[in-house]
All heavy atoms as atom14 arrays in JSON, in Angstrom:
{
  "sequence": "KVRHVPTVSITRQKENTLAQLCTQRLYISTVEIESDVLGTEYQSTT",
  "atom14_mask": [
    [1, 1, 1, 1, 1, 1, 1, 1, 1, 0, 0, 0, 0, 0],
    [1, 1, 1, 1, 1, 1, 1, 0, 0, 0, 0, 0, 0, 0],
    [1, 1, 1, 1, 1, 1, 1, 1, 1, 1, 1, 0, 0, 0],
    [1, 1, 1, 1, 1, 1, 1, 1, 1, 1, 0, 0, 0, 0],
    [1, 1, 1, 1, 1, 1, 1, 0, 0, 0, 0, 0, 0, 0],
    [1, 1, 1, 1, 1, 1, 1, 0, 0, 0, 0, 0, 0, 0],
    [1, 1, 1, 1, 1, 1, 1, 0, 0, 0, 0, 0, 0, 0],
    [1, 1, 1, 1, 1, 1, 1, 0, 0, 0, 0, 0, 0, 0],
    [1, 1, 1, 1, 1, 1, 0, 0, 0, 0, 0, 0, 0, 0],
    [1, 1, 1, 1, 1, 1, 1, 1, 0, 0, 0, 0, 0, 0],
    [1, 1, 1, 1, 1, 1, 1, 0, 0, 0, 0, 0, 0, 0],
    [1, 1, 1, 1, 1, 1, 1, 1, 1, 1, 1, 0, 0, 0],
    [1, 1, 1, 1, 1, 1, 1, 1, 1, 0, 0, 0, 0, 0],
    [1, 1, 1, 1, 1, 1, 1, 1, 1, 0, 0, 0, 0, 0],
    [1, 1, 1, 1, 1, 1, 1, 1, 1, 0, 0, 0, 0, 0],
    [1, 1, 1, 1, 1, 1, 1, 1, 0, 0, 0, 0, 0, 0],
    [1, 1, 1, 1, 1, 1, 1, 0, 0, 0, 0, 0, 0, 0],
    [1, 1, 1, 1, 1, 1, 1, 1, 0, 0, 0, 0, 0, 0],
    [1, 1, 1, 1, 1, 0, 0, 0, 0, 0, 0, 0, 0, 0],
    [1, 1, 1, 1, 1, 1, 1, 1, 1, 0, 0, 0, 0, 0],
    [1, 1, 1, 1, 1, 1, 1, 1, 0, 0, 0, 0, 0, 0],
    [1, 1, 1, 1, 1, 1, 0, 0, 0, 0, 0, 0, 0, 0],
    [1, 1, 1, 1, 1, 1, 1, 0, 0, 0, 0, 0, 0, 0],
    [1, 1, 1, 1, 1, 1, 1, 1, 1, 0, 0, 0, 0, 0],
    [1, 1, 1, 1, 1, 1, 1, 1, 1, 1, 1, 0, 0, 0],
    [1, 1, 1, 1, 1, 1, 1, 1, 0, 0, 0, 0, 0, 0],
    [1, 1, 1, 1, 1, 1, 1, 1, 1, 1, 1, 1, 0, 0],
    [1, 1, 1, 1, 1, 1, 1, 1, 0, 0, 0, 0, 0, 0],
    [1, 1, 1, 1, 1, 1, 0, 0, 0, 0, 0, 0, 0, 0],
    [1, 1, 1, 1, 1, 1, 1, 0, 0, 0, 0, 0, 0, 0],
    [1, 1, 1, 1, 1, 1, 1, 0, 0, 0, 0, 0, 0, 0],
    [1, 1, 1, 1, 1, 1, 1, 1, 1, 0, 0, 0, 0, 0],
    [1, 1, 1, 1, 1, 1, 1, 1, 0, 0, 0, 0, 0, 0],
    [1, 1, 1, 1, 1, 1, 1, 1, 1, 0, 0, 0, 0, 0],
    [1, 1, 1, 1, 1, 1, 0, 0, 0, 0, 0, 0, 0, 0],
    [1, 1, 1, 1, 1, 1, 1, 1, 0, 0, 0, 0, 0, 0],
    [1, 1, 1, 1, 1, 1, 1, 0, 0, 0, 0, 0, 0, 0],
    [1, 1, 1, 1, 1, 1, 1, 1, 0, 0, 0, 0, 0, 0],
    [1, 1, 1, 1, 0, 0, 0, 0, 0, 0, 0, 0, 0, 0],
    [1, 1, 1, 1, 1, 1, 1, 0, 0, 0, 0, 0, 0, 0],
    [1, 1, 1, 1, 1, 1, 1, 1, 1, 0, 0, 0, 0, 0],
    [1, 1, 1, 1, 1, 1, 1, 1, 1, 1, 1, 1, 0, 0],
    [1, 1, 1, 1, 1, 1, 1, 1, 1, 0, 0, 0, 0, 0],
    [1, 1, 1, 1, 1, 1, 0, 0, 0, 0, 0, 0, 0, 0],
    [1, 1, 1, 1, 1, 1, 1, 0, 0, 0, 0, 0, 0, 0],
    [1, 1, 1, 1, 1, 1, 1, 0, 0, 0, 0, 0, 0, 0]
  ],
  "atom14_positions": [
    [[-5.49, -14.86, -10.3], [-4.63, -14.76, -11.54], [-4.6, -16.05, -12.26], [-4.72, -16.08, -13.49], [-3.16, -14.43, -11.12], [-2.26, -14.16, -12.39], [-0.89, -13.76, -11.9], [-0.01, -13.36, -13.12], [1.37, -12.86, -12.7], [0.0, 0.0, 0.0], [0.0, 0.0, 0.0], [0.0, 0.0, 0.0], [0.0, 0.0, 0.0], [0.0, 0.0, 0.0]],
    [[-4.61, -17.2, -11.64], [-4.8, -18.54, -12.38], [-5.95, -18.59, -12.93], [-6.07, -19.21, -14.2], [-4.61, -19.64, -11.19], [-4.98, -20.96, -11.88], [-3.16, -19.75, -10.7], [0.0, 0.0, 0.0], [0.0, 0.0, 0.0], [0.0, 0.0, 0.0], [0.0, 0.0, 0.0], [0.0, 0.0, 0.0], [0.0, 0.0, 0.0], [0.0, 0.0, 0.0]],
    [[-7.16, -18.03, -12.46], [-8.42, -18.1, -13.18], [-8.71, -17.03, -14.18], [-9.7, -16.74, -14.79], [-9.51, -18.0, -12.02], [-9.57, -19.19, -11.05], [-10.35, -18.9, -9.87], [-10.61, -20.06, -8.97], [-9.72, -20.69, -8.25], [-8.6, -20.11, -8.12], [-10.14, -21.64, -7.54], [0.0, 0.0, 0.0], [0.0, 0.0, 0.0], [0.0, 0.0, 0.0]],
    [[-7.57, -16.08, -14.33], [-7.62, -15.0, -15.37], [-8.65, -14.08, -15.02], [-9.33, -13.43, -15.91], [-7.84, -15.65, -16.77], [-6.87, -16.63, -17.15], [-5.56, -16.26, -17.38], [-6.95, -17.95, -17.41], [-4.88, -17.42, -17.78], [-5.64, -18.42, -17.75], [0.0, 0.0, 0.0], [0.0, 0.0, 0.0], [0.0, 0.0, 0.0], [0.0, 0.0, 0.0]],
    [[-8.99, -13.75, -13.79], [-9.84, -12.83, -13.3], [-9.18, -11.52, -13.17], [-8.09, -11.3, -12.54], [-10.39, -13.12, -11.91], [-11.53, -12.05, -11.38], [-11.13, -14.55, -11.94], [0.0, 0.0, 0.0], [0.0, 0.0, 0.0], [0.0, 0.0, 0.0], [0.0, 0.0, 0.0], [0.0, 0.0, 0.0], [0.0, 0.0, 0.0], [0.0, 0.0, 0.0]],
    [[-9.68, -10.37, -13.88], [-9.13, -8.97, -13.73], [-9.08, -8.51, -12.28], [-10.08, -8.69, -11.59], [-10.05, -8.23, -14.62], [-10.63, -9.18, -15.53], [-10.86, -10.37, -14.75], [0.0, 0.0, 0.0], [0.0, 0.0, 0.0], [0.0, 0.0, 0.0], [0.0, 0.0, 0.0], [0.0, 0.0, 0.0], [0.0, 0.0, 0.0], [0.0, 0.0, 0.0]],
    [[-7.97, -7.99, -11.9], [-7.78, -7.54, -10.48], [-7.27, -6.16, -10.49], [-6.46, -5.86, -11.41], [-6.94, -8.54, -9.69], [-5.72, -8.74, -10.41], [-7.68, -9.89, -9.36], [0.0, 0.0, 0.0], [0.0, 0.0, 0.0], [0.0, 0.0, 0.0], [0.0, 0.0, 0.0], [0.0, 0.0, 0.0], [0.0, 0.0, 0.0], [0.0, 0.0, 0.0]],
    [[-7.52, -5.43, -9.46], [-6.92, -4.06, -9.22], [-6.46, -4.14, -7.81], [-7.18, -4.28, -6.89], [-8.03, -3.01, -9.39], [-7.33, -1.67, -9.18], [-8.67, -3.05, -10.74], [0.0, 0.0, 0.0], [0.0, 0.0, 0.0], [0.0, 0.0, 0.0], [0.0, 0.0, 0.0], [0.0, 0.0, 0.0], [0.0, 0.0, 0.0], [0.0, 0.0, 0.0]],
    [[-5.14, -3.82, -7.66], [-4.55, -3.6, -6.23], [-4.64, -2.27, -5.75], [-4.5, -1.28, -6.58], [-3.13, -4.06, -6.25], [-2.26, -3.37, -7.07], [0.0, 0.0, 0.0], [0.0, 0.0, 0.0], [0.0, 0.0, 0.0], [0.0, 0.0, 0.0], [0.0, 0.0, 0.0], [0.0, 0.0, 0.0], [0.0, 0.0, 0.0], [0.0, 0.0, 0.0]],
    [[-4.91, -1.98, -4.55], [-4.8, -0.67, -3.96], [-3.96, -0.86, -2.69], [-4.26, -1.4, -1.66], [-6.24, -0.11, -3.46], [-7.22, -0.06, -4.71], [-6.13, 1.28, -2.88], [-8.56, 0.46, -4.38], [0.0, 0.0, 0.0], [0.0, 0.0, 0.0], [0.0, 0.0, 0.0], [0.0, 0.0, 0.0], [0.0, 0.0, 0.0], [0.0, 0.0, 0.0]],
    [[-2.73, -0.29, -2.85], [-1.69, -0.47, -1.73], [-0.98, 0.86, -1.66], [-1.16, 1.77, -2.36], [-0.68, -1.6, -2.21], [0.09, -1.07, -3.35], [-1.29, -2.89, -2.49], [0.0, 0.0, 0.0], [0.0, 0.0, 0.0], [0.0, 0.0, 0.0], [0.0, 0.0, 0.0], [0.0, 0.0, 0.0], [0.0, 0.0, 0.0], [0.0, 0.0, 0.0]],
    [[-0.05, 0.88, -0.67], [0.85, 2.04, -0.4], [1.82, 2.04, -1.62], [2.05, 1.06, -2.24], [1.52, 2.09, 0.86], [2.36, 1.02, 1.1], [3.05, 1.19, 2.53], [3.87, -0.07, 2.93], [4.66, -0.03, 4.04], [4.69, 0.99, 4.83], [5.25, -1.08, 4.3], [0.0, 0.0, 0.0], [0.0, 0.0, 0.0], [0.0, 0.0, 0.0]],
    [[2.48, 3.21, -1.88], [3.3, 3.37, -3.01], [4.72, 2.88, -2.78], [5.68, 3.54, -2.73], [3.34, 4.89, -3.34], [3.76, 5.06, -4.73], [3.61, 6.58, -5.13], [3.9, 7.48, -4.28], [3.0, 6.89, -6.27], [0.0, 0.0, 0.0], [0.0, 0.0, 0.0], [0.0, 0.0, 0.0], [0.0, 0.0, 0.0], [0.0, 0.0, 0.0]],
    [[4.76, 1.53, -2.63], [6.0, 0.77, -2.5], [6.04, -0.4, -3.3], [5.03, -0.9, -3.74], [6.13, 0.33, -0.94], [6.2, 1.58, -0.02], [7.6, 2.35, -0.08], [7.69, 3.32, 1.0], [8.94, 3.99, 0.95], [0.0, 0.0, 0.0], [0.0, 0.0, 0.0], [0.0, 0.0, 0.0], [0.0, 0.0, 0.0], [0.0, 0.0, 0.0]],
    [[7.25, -0.92, -3.53], [7.42, -2.29, -4.22], [6.64, -3.29, -3.33], [6.84, -3.46, -2.14], [8.86, -2.62, -4.26], [9.11, -4.13, -4.73], [10.56, -4.54, -4.54], [11.36, -3.71, -4.3], [10.72, -5.8, -4.58], [0.0, 0.0, 0.0], [0.0, 0.0, 0.0], [0.0, 0.0, 0.0], [0.0, 0.0, 0.0], [0.0, 0.0, 0.0]],
    [[5.63, -4.01, -3.97], [4.95, -5.09, -3.26], [4.5, -6.2, -4.14], [4.28, -5.91, -5.25], [3.88, -4.45, -2.4], [2.72, -3.88, -3.25], [1.76, -4.64, -3.62], [2.79, -2.49, -3.52], [0.0, 0.0, 0.0], [0.0, 0.0, 0.0], [0.0, 0.0, 0.0], [0.0, 0.0, 0.0], [0.0, 0.0, 0.0], [0.0, 0.0, 0.0]],
    [[4.37, -7.23, -3.67], [4.0, -8.51, -4.42], [2.59, -8.48, -4.94], [2.38, -8.88, -6.05], [4.22, -9.82, -3.59], [5.5, -9.78, -3.02], [4.05, -11.03, -4.42], [0.0, 0.0, 0.0], [0.0, 0.0, 0.0], [0.0, 0.0, 0.0], [0.0, 0.0, 0.0], [0.0, 0.0, 0.0], [0.0, 0.0, 0.0], [0.0, 0.0, 0.0]],
    [[1.69, -7.93, -4.14], [0.32, -7.89, -4.63], [0.11, -6.96, -5.79], [-0.52, -7.54, -6.84], [-0.62, -7.27, -3.5], [-2.07, -7.03, -3.87], [-2.77, -8.32, -4.24], [-2.85, -6.32, -2.83], [0.0, 0.0, 0.0], [0.0, 0.0, 0.0], [0.0, 0.0, 0.0], [0.0, 0.0, 0.0], [0.0, 0.0, 0.0], [0.0, 0.0, 0.0]],
    [[0.77, -5.94, -5.93], [0.72, -5.03, -7.1], [1.23, -5.72, -8.38], [0.79, -5.53, -9.5], [1.43, -3.66, -6.87], [0.0, 0.0, 0.0], [0.0, 0.0, 0.0], [0.0, 0.0, 0.0], [0.0, 0.0, 0.0], [0.0, 0.0, 0.0], [0.0, 0.0, 0.0], [0.0, 0.0, 0.0], [0.0, 0.0, 0.0], [0.0, 0.0, 0.0]],
    [[2.28, -6.56, -8.18], [2.83, -7.27, -9.27], [1.96, -8.36, -9.76], [2.1, -8.76, -10.92], [4.24, -7.91, -8.88], [5.32, -6.82, -8.46], [6.47, -7.35, -7.58], [6.75, -8.52, -7.71], [7.07, -6.5, -6.81], [0.0, 0.0, 0.0], [0.0, 0.0, 0.0], [0.0, 0.0, 0.0], [0.0, 0.0, 0.0], [0.0, 0.0, 0.0]],
    [[1.06, -8.87, -8.87], [0.21, -9.98, -9.28], [-1.05, -9.5, -9.97], [-1.66, -10.21, -10.8], [-0.22, -10.85, -8.08], [0.88, -11.68, -7.49], [0.34, -12.19, -6.08], [1.19, -12.8, -8.3], [0.0, 0.0, 0.0], [0.0, 0.0, 0.0], [0.0, 0.0, 0.0], [0.0, 0.0, 0.0], [0.0, 0.0, 0.0], [0.0, 0.0, 0.0]],
    [[-1.48, -8.23, -9.76], [-2.74, -7.71, -10.19], [-2.5, -7.08, -11.58], [-1.45, -6.7, -12.05], [-3.28, -6.74, -9.34], [-3.87, -7.4, -7.77], [0.0, 0.0, 0.0], [0.0, 0.0, 0.0], [0.0, 0.0, 0.0], [0.0, 0.0, 0.0], [0.0, 0.0, 0.0], [0.0, 0.0, 0.0], [0.0, 0.0, 0.0], [0.0, 0.0, 0.0]],
    [[-3.61, -7.08, -12.27], [-3.72, -6.6, -13.67], [-3.66, -5.0, -13.75], [-3.12, -4.43, -14.76], [-4.88, -7.07, -14.48], [-5.99, -6.81, -13.82], [-4.77, -8.56, -14.75], [0.0, 0.0, 0.0], [0.0, 0.0, 0.0], [0.0, 0.0, 0.0], [0.0, 0.0, 0.0], [0.0, 0.0, 0.0], [0.0, 0.0, 0.0], [0.0, 0.0, 0.0]],
    [[-4.11, -4.33, -12.75], [-4.07, -2.89, -12.6], [-3.68, -2.51, -11.3], [-3.96, -3.37, -10.2], [-5.34, -2.25, -13.1], [-5.74, -2.55, -14.56], [-6.74, -1.4, -15.04], [-6.57, -0.22, -14.93], [-7.85, -1.95, -15.51], [0.0, 0.0, 0.0], [0.0, 0.0, 0.0], [0.0, 0.0, 0.0], [0.0, 0.0, 0.0], [0.0, 0.0, 0.0]],
    [[-3.25, -1.33, -11.02], [-2.63, -0.91, -9.8], [-3.03, 0.51, -9.36], [-2.89, 1.41, -10.29], [-1.1, -1.09, -9.7], [-0.65, -2.45, -10.13], [0.65, -2.39, -10.64], [0.95, -3.61, -11.39], [0.59, -3.85, -12.69], [0.0, -2.91, -13.4], [0.85, -5.0, -13.2], [0.0, 0.0, 0.0], [0.0, 0.0, 0.0], [0.0, 0.0, 0.0]],
    [[-3.5, 0.75, -8.12], [-3.67, 2.15, -7.71], [-2.9, 2.15, -6.42], [-2.65, 1.2, -5.63], [-5.19, 2.34, -7.35], [-6.12, 2.31, -8.57], [-7.58, 2.31, -8.15], [-5.78, 3.5, -9.49], [0.0, 0.0, 0.0], [0.0, 0.0, 0.0], [0.0, 0.0, 0.0], [0.0, 0.0, 0.0], [0.0, 0.0, 0.0], [0.0, 0.0, 0.0]],
    [[-2.44, 3.47, -6.07], [-1.55, 3.6, -4.93], [-2.08, 4.77, -4.0], [-2.5, 5.79, -4.56], [-0.13, 3.92, -5.42], [0.54, 2.77, -6.17], [0.55, 2.87, -7.56], [1.05, 1.72, -5.49], [1.23, 1.78, -8.29], [1.79, 0.73, -6.22], [1.82, 0.67, -7.54], [2.32, -0.34, -8.29], [0.0, 0.0, 0.0], [0.0, 0.0, 0.0]],
    [[-1.7, 4.58, -2.76], [-1.87, 5.71, -1.86], [-0.51, 6.14, -1.3], [0.44, 5.43, -1.29], [-2.81, 5.38, -0.67], [-2.23, 4.14, 0.11], [-4.25, 4.99, -1.16], [-2.59, 4.12, 1.56], [0.0, 0.0, 0.0], [0.0, 0.0, 0.0], [0.0, 0.0, 0.0], [0.0, 0.0, 0.0], [0.0, 0.0, 0.0], [0.0, 0.0, 0.0]],
    [[-0.48, 7.33, -0.82], [0.75, 7.95, -0.22], [0.52, 7.92, 1.35], [-0.57, 8.26, 1.84], [0.92, 9.35, -0.6], [1.18, 9.45, -2.06], [0.0, 0.0, 0.0], [0.0, 0.0, 0.0], [0.0, 0.0, 0.0], [0.0, 0.0, 0.0], [0.0, 0.0, 0.0], [0.0, 0.0, 0.0], [0.0, 0.0, 0.0], [0.0, 0.0, 0.0]],
    [[1.59, 7.53, 2.01], [1.6, 7.5, 3.38], [2.82, 8.13, 4.07], [3.81, 8.41, 3.42], [1.6, 6.08, 4.01], [2.74, 5.39, 3.56], [0.37, 5.31, 3.42], [0.0, 0.0, 0.0], [0.0, 0.0, 0.0], [0.0, 0.0, 0.0], [0.0, 0.0, 0.0], [0.0, 0.0, 0.0], [0.0, 0.0, 0.0], [0.0, 0.0, 0.0]],
    [[2.66, 8.6, 5.27], [3.74, 9.27, 6.07], [3.83, 8.4, 7.27], [2.84, 8.19, 8.09], [3.52, 10.74, 6.32], [4.58, 11.25, 7.26], [3.46, 11.4, 5.11], [0.0, 0.0, 0.0], [0.0, 0.0, 0.0], [0.0, 0.0, 0.0], [0.0, 0.0, 0.0], [0.0, 0.0, 0.0], [0.0, 0.0, 0.0], [0.0, 0.0, 0.0]],
    [[5.19, 7.96, 7.6], [5.34, 7.25, 8.94], [5.99, 8.18, 9.87], [7.05, 8.86, 9.57], [6.3, 6.01, 8.63], [5.72, 4.98, 7.75], [6.62, 3.86, 7.46], [7.76, 3.8, 8.12], [6.25, 2.95, 6.69], [0.0, 0.0, 0.0], [0.0, 0.0, 0.0], [0.0, 0.0, 0.0], [0.0, 0.0, 0.0], [0.0, 0.0, 0.0]],
    [[5.28, 8.38, 10.99], [5.82, 9.31, 12.05], [6.31, 8.38, 13.12], [5.49, 7.57, 13.74], [4.7, 10.19, 12.5], [4.11, 11.02, 11.38], [5.22, 11.23, 13.66], [2.83, 11.84, 11.7], [0.0, 0.0, 0.0], [0.0, 0.0, 0.0], [0.0, 0.0, 0.0], [0.0, 0.0, 0.0], [0.0, 0.0, 0.0], [0.0, 0.0, 0.0]],
    [[7.56, 8.59, 13.58], [8.11, 7.81, 14.71], [7.77, 8.3, 16.05], [7.3, 9.35, 16.27], [9.69, 7.8, 14.41], [10.01, 7.21, 13.17], [11.58, 7.12, 12.94], [12.28, 7.54, 13.86], [12.0, 6.49, 11.95], [0.0, 0.0, 0.0], [0.0, 0.0, 0.0], [0.0, 0.0, 0.0], [0.0, 0.0, 0.0], [0.0, 0.0, 0.0]],
    [[8.03, 7.38, 17.05], [7.58, 7.59, 18.35], [8.2, 8.95, 18.92], [7.64, 9.53, 19.85], [7.72, 6.47, 19.23], [9.16, 6.04, 19.29], [0.0, 0.0, 0.0], [0.0, 0.0, 0.0], [0.0, 0.0, 0.0], [0.0, 0.0, 0.0], [0.0, 0.0, 0.0], [0.0, 0.0, 0.0], [0.0, 0.0, 0.0], [0.0, 0.0, 0.0]],
    [[9.38, 9.2, 18.58], [10.07, 10.35, 19.24], [9.54, 11.7, 18.67], [9.79, 12.77, 19.31], [11.55, 10.36, 18.92], [11.91, 10.44, 17.4], [11.02, 10.12, 16.69], [13.03, 10.67, 17.12], [0.0, 0.0, 0.0], [0.0, 0.0, 0.0], [0.0, 0.0, 0.0], [0.0, 0.0, 0.0], [0.0, 0.0, 0.0], [0.0, 0.0, 0.0]],
    [[8.5, 11.6, 17.77], [7.89, 12.87, 17.3], [6.63, 13.12, 17.99], [6.45, 14.27, 18.52], [7.69, 12.77, 15.75], [6.91, 14.07, 15.24], [8.94, 12.59, 14.97], [0.0, 0.0, 0.0], [0.0, 0.0, 0.0], [0.0, 0.0, 0.0], [0.0, 0.0, 0.0], [0.0, 0.0, 0.0], [0.0, 0.0, 0.0], [0.0, 0.0, 0.0]],
    [[5.75, 12.12, 18.12], [4.41, 12.27, 18.81], [4.3, 11.58, 20.11], [3.38, 11.71, 20.72], [3.32, 11.85, 17.72], [3.14, 12.64, 16.48], [2.05, 11.97, 15.72], [2.82, 14.06, 16.77], [0.0, 0.0, 0.0], [0.0, 0.0, 0.0], [0.0, 0.0, 0.0], [0.0, 0.0, 0.0], [0.0, 0.0, 0.0], [0.0, 0.0, 0.0]],
    [[5.25, 10.85, 20.43], [5.27, 10.05, 21.73], [4.61, 8.68, 21.41], [4.52, 7.91, 22.28], [0.0, 0.0, 0.0], [0.0, 0.0, 0.0], [0.0, 0.0, 0.0], [0.0, 0.0, 0.0], [0.0, 0.0, 0.0], [0.0, 0.0, 0.0], [0.0, 0.0, 0.0], [0.0, 0.0, 0.0], [0.0, 0.0, 0.0], [0.0, 0.0, 0.0]],
    [[4.29, 8.43, 20.14], [3.83, 7.05, 19.78], [3.98, 7.02, 18.19], [4.01, 7.98, 17.57], [2.37, 6.89, 20.13], [1.93, 5.62, 19.64], [1.35, 7.89, 19.35], [0.0, 0.0, 0.0], [0.0, 0.0, 0.0], [0.0, 0.0, 0.0], [0.0, 0.0, 0.0], [0.0, 0.0, 0.0], [0.0, 0.0, 0.0], [0.0, 0.0, 0.0]],
    [[4.18, 5.69, 17.75], [4.32, 5.62, 16.26], [2.94, 5.86, 15.63], [1.99, 5.33, 16.12], [4.86, 4.18, 16.02], [6.38, 3.92, 16.39], [6.88, 2.7, 15.96], [6.21, 1.94, 15.41], [8.06, 2.52, 16.2], [0.0, 0.0, 0.0], [0.0, 0.0, 0.0], [0.0, 0.0, 0.0], [0.0, 0.0, 0.0], [0.0, 0.0, 0.0]],
    [[2.95, 6.37, 14.45], [1.75, 6.64, 13.78], [1.99, 6.61, 12.19], [2.96, 7.19, 11.78], [1.19, 8.1, 14.14], [-0.1, 8.34, 13.43], [-1.35, 7.71, 13.85], [-0.2, 9.21, 12.32], [-2.57, 8.07, 13.16], [-1.4, 9.41, 11.71], [-2.6, 8.81, 12.17], [-3.77, 9.14, 11.48], [0.0, 0.0, 0.0], [0.0, 0.0, 0.0]],
    [[1.05, 6.01, 11.6], [1.17, 6.0, 10.09], [-0.15, 6.46, 9.48], [-1.14, 6.06, 9.85], [1.43, 4.55, 9.61], [1.84, 4.56, 8.12], [2.59, 3.3, 7.82], [3.65, 3.3, 7.19], [2.18, 2.13, 8.29], [0.0, 0.0, 0.0], [0.0, 0.0, 0.0], [0.0, 0.0, 0.0], [0.0, 0.0, 0.0], [0.0, 0.0, 0.0]],
    [[-0.06, 7.5, 8.57], [-1.22, 8.19, 8.1], [-1.97, 7.22, 7.11], [-1.32, 6.5, 6.31], [-0.83, 9.48, 7.38], [0.09, 9.16, 6.19], [0.0, 0.0, 0.0], [0.0, 0.0, 0.0], [0.0, 0.0, 0.0], [0.0, 0.0, 0.0], [0.0, 0.0, 0.0], [0.0, 0.0, 0.0], [0.0, 0.0, 0.0], [0.0, 0.0, 0.0]],
    [[-3.26, 7.17, 7.13], [-4.1, 6.32, 6.36], [-5.21, 6.84, 5.57], [-5.92, 6.19, 4.85], [-4.51, 5.12, 7.1], [-5.4, 5.64, 8.14], [-3.51, 4.27, 7.76], [0.0, 0.0, 0.0], [0.0, 0.0, 0.0], [0.0, 0.0, 0.0], [0.0, 0.0, 0.0], [0.0, 0.0, 0.0], [0.0, 0.0, 0.0], [0.0, 0.0, 0.0]],
    [[-5.35, 8.35, 5.71], [-6.5, 9.0, 5.26], [-6.48, 8.89, 3.69], [-7.56, 9.05, 3.01], [-6.51, 10.42, 5.66], [-6.52, 10.48, 7.13], [-7.66, 11.19, 5.16], [0.0, 0.0, 0.0], [0.0, 0.0, 0.0], [0.0, 0.0, 0.0], [0.0, 0.0, 0.0], [0.0, 0.0, 0.0], [0.0, 0.0, 0.0], [0.0, 0.0, 0.0]]
  ]
}
């Protein structure tokens, strides 16, 4: 940003500092599954 380089963030769809720093933003949707559901914590990333 200091160098005025155009940047694009790709993050999950939440408030986050990286997206605020970048000139353009793309988002992914995720689902957090807790351990009592599958026996282990899992977060979708596809």
